[in-house]
């Protein structure tokens, strides 16, 4: 099990955590674990919203687009031939 130290927790928050833990019959440590467990479980694993490519496109959309003329391949690419392959041929 891992440990976690929380520094600079203000006194009011600590007092509220202590009262909430008492209401639930837990120690402050158990109450903090429960709160963290629920907070992490509620958050989605993957960030919601558009992906990186969509965000980049939206950022530059005001500049306009560019239409590229893609040439049709005249021949099919061949695999590279290494010295060992050439000796066997």
PDB file of N, CA and C in Angstrom:
ATOM      1  N   UNK A   1       0.838  -1.185   0.000  1.00  0.00           N
ATOM      2  CA  UNK A   1       0.000   0.000   0.000  1.00  0.00           C
ATOM      3  C   UNK A   1       0.880   1.244   0.000  1.00  0.00           C
ATOM      4  N   UNK A   2       0.428   2.255  -0.690  1.00  0.00           N
ATOM      5  CA  UNK A   2       1.158   3.515  -0.770  1.00  0.00           C
ATOM      6  C   UNK A   2       0.731   4.459   0.345  1.00  0.00           C
ATOM      7  N   UNK A   3       1.593   5.420   0.618  1.00  0.00           N
ATOM      8  CA  UNK A   3       1.284   6.465   1.593  1.00  0.00           C
ATOM      9  C   UNK A   3       1.210   7.798   0.880  1.00  0.00           C
ATOM     10  N   UNK A   4       0.454   8.706   1.457  1.00  0.00           N
ATOM     11  CA  UNK A   4       0.302  10.036   0.889  1.00  0.00           C
ATOM     12  C   UNK A   4       0.298  11.035   2.027  1.00  0.00           C
ATOM     13  N   UNK A   5       1.123  12.059   1.906  1.00  0.00           N
ATOM     14  CA  UNK A   5       1.160  13.129   2.895  1.00  0.00           C
ATOM     15  C   UNK A   5       0.573  14.373   2.245  1.00  0.00           C
ATOM     16  N   UNK A   6      -0.360  15.006   2.916  1.00  0.00           N
ATOM     17  CA  UNK A   6      -0.979  16.225   2.391  1.00  0.00           C
ATOM     18  C   UNK A   6      -0.502  17.386   3.243  1.00  0.00           C
ATOM     19  N   UNK A   7       0.250  18.265   2.611  1.00  0.00           N
ATOM     20  CA  UNK A   7       0.782  19.431   3.314  1.00  0.00           C
ATOM     21  C   UNK A   7      -0.078  20.649   3.023  1.00  0.00           C
ATOM     22  N   UNK A   8       0.034  21.645   3.882  1.00  0.00           N
ATOM     23  CA  UNK A   8      -0.632  22.943   3.717  1.00  0.00           C
ATOM     24  C   UNK A   8      -2.146  22.817   3.621  1.00  0.00           C
ATOM     25  N   UNK A   9      -2.720  21.888   4.359  1.00  0.00           N
ATOM     26  CA  UNK A   9      -4.167  21.751   4.436  1.00  0.00           C
ATOM     27  C   UNK A   9      -4.656  22.760   5.461  1.00  0.00           C
ATOM     28  N   UNK A  10      -5.559  23.632   5.051  1.00  0.00           N
ATOM     29  CA  UNK A  10      -5.986  24.674   5.992  1.00  0.00           C
ATOM     30  C   UNK A  10      -6.789  24.068   7.144  1.00  0.00           C
ATOM     31  N   UNK A  11      -6.798  24.769   8.253  1.00  0.00           N
ATOM     32  CA  UNK A  11      -7.422  24.263   9.478  1.00  0.00           C
ATOM     33  C   UNK A  11      -8.919  24.025   9.314  1.00  0.00           C
ATOM     34  N   UNK A  12      -9.591  24.881   8.560  1.00  0.00           N
ATOM     35  CA  UNK A  12     -11.034  24.728   8.379  1.00  0.00           C
ATOM     36  C   UNK A  12     -11.351  23.438   7.623  1.00  0.00           C
ATOM     37  N   UNK A  13     -10.563  23.134   6.598  1.00  0.00           N
ATOM     38  CA  UNK A  13     -10.775  21.900   5.833  1.00  0.00           C
ATOM     39  C   UNK A  13     -10.526  20.683   6.711  1.00  0.00           C
ATOM     40  N   UNK A  14      -9.477  20.729   7.494  1.00  0.00           N
ATOM     41  CA  UNK A  14      -9.170  19.619   8.398  1.00  0.00           C
ATOM     42  C   UNK A  14     -10.296  19.418   9.406  1.00  0.00           C
ATOM     43  N   UNK A  15     -10.831  20.509   9.929  1.00  0.00           N
ATOM     44  CA  UNK A  15     -11.922  20.407  10.899  1.00  0.00           C
ATOM     45  C   UNK A  15     -13.169  19.802  10.264  1.00  0.00           C
ATOM     46  N   UNK A  16     -13.485  20.232   9.037  1.00  0.00           N
ATOM     47  CA  UNK A  16     -14.655  19.672   8.328  1.00  0.00           C
ATOM     48  C   UNK A  16     -14.460  18.188   8.032  1.00  0.00           C
ATOM     49  N   UNK A  17     -13.226  17.812   7.649  1.00  0.00           N
ATOM     50  CA  UNK A  17     -12.929  16.406   7.390  1.00  0.00           C
ATOM     51  C   UNK A  17     -13.092  15.587   8.664  1.00  0.00           C
ATOM     52  N   UNK A  18     -12.630  16.126   9.790  1.00  0.00           N
ATOM     53  CA  UNK A  18     -12.750  15.432  11.072  1.00  0.00           C
ATOM     54  C   UNK A  18     -14.218  15.222  11.437  1.00  0.00           C
ATOM     55  N   UNK A  19     -15.054  16.265  11.248  1.00  0.00           N
ATOM     56  CA  UNK A  19     -16.483  16.153  11.556  1.00  0.00           C
ATOM     57  C   UNK A  19     -17.184  15.174  10.620  1.00  0.00           C
ATOM     58  N   UNK A  20     -16.851  15.220   9.350  1.00  0.00           N
ATOM     59  CA  UNK A  20     -17.465  14.303   8.384  1.00  0.00           C
ATOM     60  C   UNK A  20     -17.070  12.863   8.700  1.00  0.00           C
ATOM     61  N   UNK A  21     -15.812  12.654   9.064  1.00  0.00           N
ATOM     62  CA  UNK A  21     -15.356  11.306   9.429  1.00  0.00           C
ATOM     63  C   UNK A  21     -16.111  10.804  10.652  1.00  0.00           C
ATOM     64  N   UNK A  22     -16.308  11.668  11.640  1.00  0.00           N
ATOM     65  CA  UNK A  22     -17.038  11.277  12.850  1.00  0.00           C
ATOM     66  C   UNK A  22     -18.482  10.907  12.518  1.00  0.00           C
ATOM     67  N   UNK A  23     -19.110  11.681  11.635  1.00  0.00           N
ATOM     68  CA  UNK A  23     -20.496  11.371  11.231  1.00  0.00           C
ATOM     69  C   UNK A  23     -20.589  10.004  10.556  1.00  0.00           C
ATOM     70  N   UNK A  24     -19.547   9.635   9.806  1.00  0.00           N
ATOM     71  CA  UNK A  24     -19.557   8.353   9.106  1.00  0.00           C
ATOM     72  C   UNK A  24     -18.950   7.223   9.925  1.00  0.00           C
ATOM     73  N   UNK A  25     -18.489   7.548  11.125  1.00  0.00           N
ATOM     74  CA  UNK A  25     -17.903   6.523  11.981  1.00  0.00           C
ATOM     75  C   UNK A  25     -16.524   6.064  11.511  1.00  0.00           C
ATOM     76  N   UNK A  26     -15.804   6.936  10.799  1.00  0.00           N
ATOM     77  CA  UNK A  26     -14.470   6.611  10.276  1.00  0.00           C
ATOM     78  C   UNK A  26     -13.420   7.479  10.947  1.00  0.00           C
ATOM     79  N   UNK A  27     -12.191   7.042  10.802  1.00  0.00           N
ATOM     80  CA  UNK A  27     -11.073   7.910  11.167  1.00  0.00           C
ATOM     81  C   UNK A  27     -10.925   8.949  10.048  1.00  0.00           C
ATOM     82  N   UNK A  28     -10.186  10.011  10.337  1.00  0.00           N
ATOM     83  CA  UNK A  28      -9.946  11.025   9.296  1.00  0.00           C
ATOM     84  C   UNK A  28      -9.209  10.401   8.115  1.00  0.00           C
ATOM     85  N   UNK A  29      -8.294   9.510   8.400  1.00  0.00           N
ATOM     86  CA  UNK A  29      -7.522   8.860   7.337  1.00  0.00           C
ATOM     87  C   UNK A  29      -8.423   8.020   6.438  1.00  0.00           C
ATOM     88  N   UNK A  30      -9.331   7.249   7.037  1.00  0.00           N
ATOM     89  CA  UNK A  30     -10.251   6.432   6.248  1.00  0.00           C
ATOM     90  C   UNK A  30     -11.210   7.308   5.455  1.00  0.00           C
ATOM     91  N   UNK A  31     -11.658   8.388   6.048  1.00  0.00           N
ATOM     92  CA  UNK A  31     -12.558   9.305   5.349  1.00  0.00           C
ATOM     93  C   UNK A  31     -11.852   9.917   4.141  1.00  0.00           C
ATOM     94  N   UNK A  32     -10.597  10.311   4.298  1.00  0.00           N
ATOM     95  CA  UNK A  32      -9.825  10.865   3.186  1.00  0.00           C
ATOM     96  C   UNK A  32      -9.650   9.825   2.083  1.00  0.00           C
ATOM     97  N   UNK A  33      -9.372   8.561   2.458  1.00  0.00           N
ATOM     98  CA  UNK A  33      -9.245   7.496   1.456  1.00  0.00           C
ATOM     99  C   UNK A  33     -10.545   7.315   0.686  1.00  0.00           C
ATOM    100  N   UNK A  34     -11.662   7.345   1.392  1.00  0.00           N
ATOM    101  CA  UNK A  34     -12.970   7.182   0.753  1.00  0.00           C
ATOM    102  C   UNK A  34     -13.249   8.326  -0.221  1.00  0.00           C
ATOM    103  N   UNK A  35     -12.960   9.540   0.207  1.00  0.00           N
ATOM    104  CA  UNK A  35     -13.176  10.711  -0.658  1.00  0.00           C
ATOM    105  C   UNK A  35     -12.311  10.607  -1.904  1.00  0.00           C
ATOM    106  N   UNK A  36     -11.050  10.270  -1.742  1.00  0.00           N
ATOM    107  CA  UNK A  36     -10.152  10.150  -2.891  1.00  0.00           C
ATOM    108  C   UNK A  36     -10.581   9.014  -3.821  1.00  0.00           C
ATOM    109  N   UNK A  37     -10.960   7.886  -3.252  1.00  0.00           N
ATOM    110  CA  UNK A  37     -11.405   6.739  -4.054  1.00  0.00           C
ATOM    111  C   UNK A  37     -12.609   7.117  -4.912  1.00  0.00           C
ATOM    112  N   UNK A  38     -13.582   7.812  -4.333  1.00  0.00           N
ATOM    113  CA  UNK A  38     -14.777   8.219  -5.084  1.00  0.00           C
ATOM    114  C   UNK A  38     -14.441   9.281  -6.128  1.00  0.00           C
ATOM    115  N   UNK A  39     -13.558  10.199  -5.806  1.00  0.00           N
ATOM    116  CA  UNK A  39     -13.190  11.263  -6.743  1.00  0.00           C
ATOM    117  C   UNK A  39     -12.489  10.688  -7.970  1.00  0.00           C
ATOM    118  N   UNK A  40     -11.614   9.731  -7.757  1.00  0.00           N
ATOM    119  CA  UNK A  40     -10.879   9.133  -8.875  1.00  0.00           C
ATOM    120  C   UNK A  40     -11.788   8.234  -9.701  1.00  0.00           C
ATOM    121  N   UNK A  41     -12.670   7.505  -9.046  1.00  0.00           N
ATOM    122  CA  UNK A  41     -13.578   6.612  -9.770  1.00  0.00           C
ATOM    123  C   UNK A  41     -14.562   7.394 -10.626  1.00  0.00           C
ATOM    124  N   UNK A  42     -14.916   8.590 -10.205  1.00  0.00           N
ATOM    125  CA  UNK A  42     -15.898   9.391 -10.940  1.00  0.00           C
ATOM    126  C   UNK A  42     -15.304  10.060 -12.172  1.00  0.00           C
ATOM    127  N   UNK A  43     -13.971  10.217 -12.207  1.00  0.00           N
ATOM    128  CA  UNK A  43     -13.365  10.888 -13.347  1.00  0.00           C
ATOM    129  C   UNK A  43     -13.167   9.899 -14.489  1.00  0.00           C
ATOM    130  N   UNK A  44     -13.385  10.347 -15.721  1.00  0.00           N
ATOM    131  CA  UNK A  44     -13.219   9.444 -16.863  1.00  0.00           C
ATOM    132  C   UNK A  44     -11.739   9.112 -17.074  1.00  0.00           C
ATOM    133  N   UNK A  45     -11.490   7.904 -17.597  1.00  0.00           N
ATOM    134  CA  UNK A  45     -10.117   7.481 -17.858  1.00  0.00           C
ATOM    135  C   UNK A  45      -9.489   8.269 -19.005  1.00  0.00           C
ATOM    136  N   UNK A  46     -10.300   8.626 -19.974  1.00  0.00           N
ATOM    137  CA  UNK A  46      -9.811   9.355 -21.135  1.00  0.00           C
ATOM    138  C   UNK A  46     -10.385  10.759 -21.098  1.00  0.00           C
ATOM    139  N   UNK A  47      -9.557  11.727 -21.384  1.00  0.00           N
ATOM    140  CA  UNK A  47     -10.018  13.113 -21.385  1.00  0.00           C
ATOM    141  C   UNK A  47     -11.143  13.292 -22.399  1.00  0.00           C
ATOM    142  N   UNK A  48     -12.201  13.933 -21.976  1.00  0.00           N
ATOM    143  CA  UNK A  48     -13.326  14.175 -22.864  1.00  0.00           C
ATOM    144  C   UNK A  48     -13.001  15.346 -23.774  1.00  0.00           C
ATOM    145  N   UNK A  49     -13.647  15.389 -24.895  1.00  0.00           N
ATOM    146  CA  UNK A  49     -13.438  16.495 -25.812  1.00  0.00           C
ATOM    147  C   UNK A  49     -12.644  16.074 -27.030  1.00  0.00           C
ATOM    148  N   UNK A  50     -12.369  17.043 -27.879  1.00  0.00           N
ATOM    149  CA  UNK A  50     -11.681  16.719 -29.130  1.00  0.00           C
ATOM    150  C   UNK A  50     -10.232  16.299 -28.889  1.00  0.00           C
ATOM    151  N   UNK A  51      -9.725  15.489 -29.800  1.00  0.00           N
ATOM    152  CA  UNK A  51      -8.347  15.038 -29.713  1.00  0.00           C
ATOM    153  C   UNK A  51      -7.383  16.119 -30.173  1.00  0.00           C
ATOM    154  N   UNK A  52      -6.106  15.806 -30.116  1.00  0.00           N
ATOM    155  CA  UNK A  52      -5.068  16.766 -30.463  1.00  0.00           C
ATOM    156  C   UNK A  52      -5.197  17.253 -31.898  1.00  0.00           C
ATOM    157  N   UNK A  53      -5.392  16.343 -32.842  1.00  0.00           N
ATOM    158  CA  UNK A  53      -5.512  16.733 -34.245  1.00  0.00           C
ATOM    159  C   UNK A  53      -6.671  17.691 -34.473  1.00  0.00           C
ATOM    160  N   UNK A  54      -7.794  17.416 -33.855  1.00  0.00           N
ATOM    161  CA  UNK A  54      -8.962  18.289 -34.003  1.00  0.00           C
ATOM    162  C   UNK A  54      -8.718  19.654 -33.379  1.00  0.00           C
ATOM    163  N   UNK A  55      -8.011  19.683 -32.242  1.00  0.00           N
ATOM    164  CA  UNK A  55      -7.707  20.969 -31.607  1.00  0.00           C
ATOM    165  C   UNK A  55      -6.736  21.783 -32.452  1.00  0.00           C
ATOM    166  N   UNK A  56      -5.753  21.132 -33.060  1.00  0.00           N
ATOM    167  CA  UNK A  56      -4.825  21.846 -33.934  1.00  0.00           C
ATOM    168  C   UNK A  56      -5.561  22.400 -35.140  1.00  0.00           C
ATOM    169  N   UNK A  57      -6.429  21.599 -35.756  1.00  0.00           N
ATOM    170  CA  UNK A  57      -7.189  22.047 -36.919  1.00  0.00           C
ATOM    171  C   UNK A  57      -8.066  23.234 -36.553  1.00  0.00           C
ATOM    172  N   UNK A  58      -8.717  23.195 -35.412  1.00  0.00           N
ATOM    173  CA  UNK A  58      -9.580  24.296 -34.986  1.00  0.00           C
ATOM    174  C   UNK A  58      -8.754  25.556 -34.728  1.00  0.00           C
ATOM    175  N   UNK A  59      -7.553  25.387 -34.208  1.00  0.00           N
ATOM    176  CA  UNK A  59      -6.689  26.531 -33.919  1.00  0.00           C
ATOM    177  C   UNK A  59      -6.310  27.277 -35.192  1.00  0.00           C
ATOM    178  N   UNK A  60      -6.030  26.536 -36.265  1.00  0.00           N
ATOM    179  CA  UNK A  60      -5.579  27.153 -37.503  1.00  0.00           C
ATOM    180  C   UNK A  60      -6.692  27.314 -38.541  1.00  0.00           C
ATOM    181  N   UNK A  61      -7.919  26.960 -38.221  1.00  0.00           N
ATOM    182  CA  UNK A  61      -9.023  27.003 -39.180  1.00  0.00           C
ATOM    183  C   UNK A  61      -9.263  28.410 -39.718  1.00  0.00           C
ATOM    184  N   UNK A  62      -9.056  29.429 -38.891  1.00  0.00           N
ATOM    185  CA  UNK A  62      -9.312  30.805 -39.331  1.00  0.00           C
ATOM    186  C   UNK A  62      -8.357  31.234 -40.441  1.00  0.00           C
ATOM    187  N   UNK A  63      -7.215  30.584 -40.563  1.00  0.00           N
ATOM    188  CA  UNK A  63      -6.243  30.932 -41.603  1.00  0.00           C
ATOM    189  C   UNK A  63      -6.624  30.367 -42.961  1.00  0.00           C
ATOM    190  N   UNK A  64      -7.571  29.474 -42.990  1.00  0.00           N
ATOM    191  CA  UNK A  64      -7.979  28.855 -44.247  1.00  0.00           C
ATOM    192  C   UNK A  64      -7.251  27.546 -44.451  1.00  0.00           C
ATOM    193  N   UNK A  65      -7.696  26.820 -45.428  1.00  0.00           N
ATOM    194  CA  UNK A  65      -7.107  25.511 -45.681  1.00  0.00           C
ATOM    195  C   UNK A  65      -6.220  25.533 -46.910  1.00  0.00           C
ATOM    196  N   UNK A  66      -5.599  24.430 -47.154  1.00  0.00           N
ATOM    197  CA  UNK A  66      -4.749  24.255 -48.323  1.00  0.00           C
ATOM    198  C   UNK A  66      -5.171  22.970 -49.000  1.00  0.00           C
ATOM    199  N   UNK A  67      -5.409  23.052 -50.301  1.00  0.00           N
ATOM    200  CA  UNK A  67      -5.727  21.854 -51.071  1.00  0.00           C
ATOM    201  C   UNK A  67      -4.455  21.381 -51.751  1.00  0.00           C
ATOM    202  N   UNK A  68      -4.068  20.167 -51.503  1.00  0.00           N
ATOM    203  CA  UNK A  68      -2.864  19.608 -52.090  1.00  0.00           C
ATOM    204  C   UNK A  68      -3.233  18.690 -53.241  1.00  0.00           C
ATOM    205  N   UNK A  69      -2.500  18.816 -54.339  1.00  0.00           N
ATOM    206  CA  UNK A  69      -2.680  17.908 -55.468  1.00  0.00           C
ATOM    207  C   UNK A  69      -1.778  16.705 -55.238  1.00  0.00           C
ATOM    208  N   UNK A  70      -2.382  15.589 -54.954  1.00  0.00           N
ATOM    209  CA  UNK A  70      -1.621  14.374 -54.703  1.00  0.00           C
ATOM    210  C   UNK A  70      -1.457  13.621 -56.013  1.00  0.00           C
ATOM    211  N   UNK A  71      -0.237  13.271 -56.322  1.00  0.00           N
ATOM    212  CA  UNK A  71       0.035  12.558 -57.559  1.00  0.00           C
ATOM    213  C   UNK A  71      -0.270  11.082 -57.376  1.00  0.00           C
ATOM    214  N   UNK A  72      -0.769  10.481 -58.453  1.00  0.00           N
ATOM    215  CA  UNK A  72      -1.052   9.057 -58.444  1.00  0.00           C
ATOM    216  C   UNK A  72       0.267   8.323 -58.653  1.00  0.00           C
ATOM    217  N   UNK A  73       0.496   7.276 -57.914  1.00  0.00           N
ATOM    218  CA  UNK A  73       1.739   6.515 -58.058  1.00  0.00           C
ATOM    219  C   UNK A  73       1.760   5.802 -59.405  1.00  0.00           C
ATOM    220  N   UNK A  74       2.887   5.929 -60.086  1.00  0.00           N
ATOM    221  CA  UNK A  74       3.048   5.276 -61.382  1.00  0.00           C
ATOM    222  C   UNK A  74       3.494   3.832 -61.212  1.00  0.00           C
ATOM    223  N   UNK A  75       4.174   3.543 -60.121  1.00  0.00           N
ATOM    224  CA  UNK A  75       4.650   2.181 -59.899  1.00  0.00           C
ATOM    225  C   UNK A  75       4.439   1.808 -58.435  1.00  0.00           C
ATOM    226  N   UNK A  76       4.482   0.527 -58.195  1.00  0.00           N
ATOM    227  CA  UNK A  76       4.319   0.028 -56.835  1.00  0.00           C
ATOM    228  C   UNK A  76       5.694  -0.040 -56.191  1.00  0.00           C
ATOM    229  N   UNK A  77       5.789   0.409 -54.971  1.00  0.00           N
ATOM    230  CA  UNK A  77       7.066   0.384 -54.256  1.00  0.00           C
ATOM    231  C   UNK A  77       7.505  -1.050 -54.025  1.00  0.00           C
ATOM    232  N   UNK A  78       8.830  -1.274 -54.120  1.00  0.00           N
ATOM    233  CA  UNK A  78       9.384  -2.602 -53.891  1.00  0.00           C
ATOM    234  C   UNK A  78      10.135  -2.611 -52.560  1.00  0.00           C
ATOM    235  N   UNK A  79      10.212  -3.778 -51.973  1.00  0.00           N
ATOM    236  CA  UNK A  79      10.937  -3.927 -50.718  1.00  0.00           C
ATOM    237  C   UNK A  79      12.421  -3.713 -50.957  1.00  0.00           C
ATOM    238  N   UNK A  80      13.113  -3.217 -49.950  1.00  0.00           N
ATOM    239  CA  UNK A  80      14.554  -2.999 -50.059  1.00  0.00           C
ATOM    240  C   UNK A  80      15.266  -4.334 -50.206  1.00  0.00           C
ATOM    241  N   UNK A  81      16.336  -4.335 -51.016  1.00  0.00           N
ATOM    242  CA  UNK A  81      17.143  -5.544 -51.192  1.00  0.00           C
ATOM    243  C   UNK A  81      18.483  -5.324 -50.524  1.00  0.00           C
ATOM    244  N   UNK A  82      18.843  -6.240 -49.665  1.00  0.00           N
ATOM    245  CA  UNK A  82      20.100  -6.160 -48.959  1.00  0.00           C
ATOM    246  C   UNK A  82      21.105  -7.094 -49.616  1.00  0.00           C
ATOM    247  N   UNK A  83      22.351  -6.990 -49.255  1.00  0.00           N
ATOM    248  CA  UNK A  83      23.417  -7.761 -49.891  1.00  0.00           C
ATOM    249  C   UNK A  83      23.124  -9.266 -49.833  1.00  0.00           C
ATOM    250  N   UNK A  84      22.631  -9.765 -48.721  1.00  0.00           N
ATOM    251  CA  UNK A  84      22.327 -11.188 -48.594  1.00  0.00           C
ATOM    252  C   UNK A  84      21.233 -11.612 -49.570  1.00  0.00           C
ATOM    253  N   UNK A  85      20.216 -10.775 -49.745  1.00  0.00           N
ATOM    254  CA  UNK A  85      19.115 -11.065 -50.659  1.00  0.00           C
ATOM    255  C   UNK A  85      19.604 -11.118 -52.094  1.00  0.00           C
ATOM    256  N   UNK A  86      20.511 -10.251 -52.478  1.00  0.00           N
ATOM    257  CA  UNK A  86      21.005 -10.168 -53.857  1.00  0.00           C
ATOM    258  C   UNK A  86      21.842 -11.395 -54.211  1.00  0.00           C
ATOM    259  N   UNK A  87      22.594 -11.965 -53.254  1.00  0.00           N
ATOM    260  CA  UNK A  87      23.405 -13.145 -53.510  1.00  0.00           C
ATOM    261  C   UNK A  87      22.529 -14.365 -53.785  1.00  0.00           C
ATOM    262  N   UNK A  88      21.349 -14.439 -53.158  1.00  0.00           N
ATOM    263  CA  UNK A  88      20.462 -15.592 -53.333  1.00  0.00           C
ATOM    264  C   UNK A  88      19.730 -15.524 -54.652  1.00  0.00           C
ATOM    265  N   UNK A  89      19.568 -14.367 -55.238  1.00  0.00           N
ATOM    266  CA  UNK A  89      18.788 -14.216 -56.475  1.00  0.00           C
ATOM    267  C   UNK A  89      19.528 -14.699 -57.677  1.00  0.00           C
TER     268      UNK A  89
END
